[in-house]
Protein backbone atom coordinates (compact mmCIF):
# COMPACT_ATOMS: atom_id res chain seq x y z
CA MET A 1 -28.18 33.26 20.57
CA LEU A 2 -29.60 33.95 17.14
CA THR A 3 -26.60 36.04 16.17
CA SER A 4 -24.19 33.24 17.09
CA LEU A 5 -26.22 30.78 15.01
CA VAL A 6 -26.19 33.16 12.05
CA ALA A 7 -22.43 33.63 12.49
CA ALA A 8 -21.89 29.86 12.55
CA MET A 9 -23.93 29.43 9.37
CA ALA A 10 -22.03 32.27 7.74
CA VAL A 11 -18.80 30.35 8.37
CA PHE A 12 -20.16 26.89 7.52
CA PHE A 13 -22.07 27.52 4.27
CA PRO A 14 -19.14 28.98 2.30
CA ALA A 15 -17.08 25.92 3.29
CA ILE A 16 -19.54 23.45 1.73
CA PRO A 17 -18.18 23.79 -1.85
CA LYS A 18 -14.64 23.27 -0.58
CA ILE A 19 -15.71 20.15 1.34
CA LEU A 20 -17.52 18.77 -1.72
CA ALA A 21 -14.52 19.52 -3.94
CA PHE A 22 -12.24 17.75 -1.47
CA ALA A 23 -14.53 14.70 -1.45
CA ALA A 24 -14.70 14.65 -5.25
CA ILE A 25 -10.92 14.87 -5.61
CA LEU A 26 -10.48 12.14 -3.02
CA ILE A 27 -12.89 9.80 -4.81
CA ILE A 28 -11.36 10.50 -8.24
CA ARG A 29 -7.83 9.89 -6.97
CA TRP A 30 -8.93 6.69 -5.27
CA PHE A 31 -10.44 5.49 -8.56
CA VAL A 32 -7.31 6.42 -10.53
CA ALA A 33 -5.09 4.67 -7.96
CA ALA A 34 -7.21 1.52 -8.27
CA LEU A 35 -6.89 1.64 -12.07
CA VAL A 36 -3.12 2.10 -11.88
CA ALA A 37 -2.80 -0.75 -9.35
CA SER A 38 -4.81 -3.12 -11.51
CA ALA A 39 -2.79 -2.15 -14.60
CA ILE A 40 0.50 -2.78 -12.79
CA ALA A 41 -0.82 -6.10 -11.47
CA ALA A 42 -1.86 -7.11 -15.00
CA VAL A 43 1.58 -6.24 -16.39
CA LEU A 44 3.33 -8.18 -13.62
CA ARG A 45 1.02 -11.17 -14.13
CA ARG A 46 1.69 -11.08 -17.86
CA ALA A 47 5.44 -11.00 -17.15
CA ARG A 48 4.92 -13.92 -14.74
CA PHE A 49 6.49 -11.99 -11.91
CA ASN A 50 5.83 -13.45 -8.47
CA PRO A 51 7.89 -11.89 -5.69
CA LEU A 52 7.08 -14.69 -3.25
CA ARG A 53 8.31 -17.29 -5.71
CA THR A 54 11.46 -15.24 -6.31
CA LEU A 55 12.04 -15.10 -2.56
CA GLU A 56 11.44 -18.85 -2.29
CA VAL A 57 13.97 -19.59 -5.04
CA SER A 58 16.59 -17.35 -3.46
CA CYS A 59 16.04 -18.91 -0.03
CA ASN A 60 16.22 -22.43 -1.47
CA SER A 61 19.44 -21.64 -3.31
CA PHE A 62 20.85 -20.17 -0.09
CA TYR A 63 20.09 -23.37 1.80
CA VAL A 64 21.42 -25.58 -0.98
CA PHE A 65 24.71 -23.72 -1.30
CA SER A 66 25.23 -22.92 2.37
CA PRO A 67 27.59 -25.08 4.46
CA GLN A 68 26.15 -27.64 6.81
CA PRO A 69 24.79 -26.15 10.00
CA TRP A 70 26.81 -26.43 13.17
CA SER A 71 25.86 -28.93 15.79
CA SER A 72 26.90 -28.86 19.41
CA SER A 73 28.83 -32.15 19.07
CA SER A 74 31.00 -30.82 16.24
CA ILE A 75 32.29 -27.85 18.26
CA SER A 76 35.41 -28.69 20.22
CA PRO A 77 36.47 -26.67 23.27
């Protein structure tokens, strides 16, 4: 039993630096992604870009310029 425990530790301990490096890279990339997202959001806010408002305007113009909807009484057999 002692030899299997020693073998498990021999496999696990060399992996610790790799696990820590992976965690560090993950945290750094998460931080960089948050910075990039906030920078893009600031640029879009400064440009007054609002995709929901753009969608609302395009939908409103579609309804304004679309023909009147069909009703069942206007359809003749």
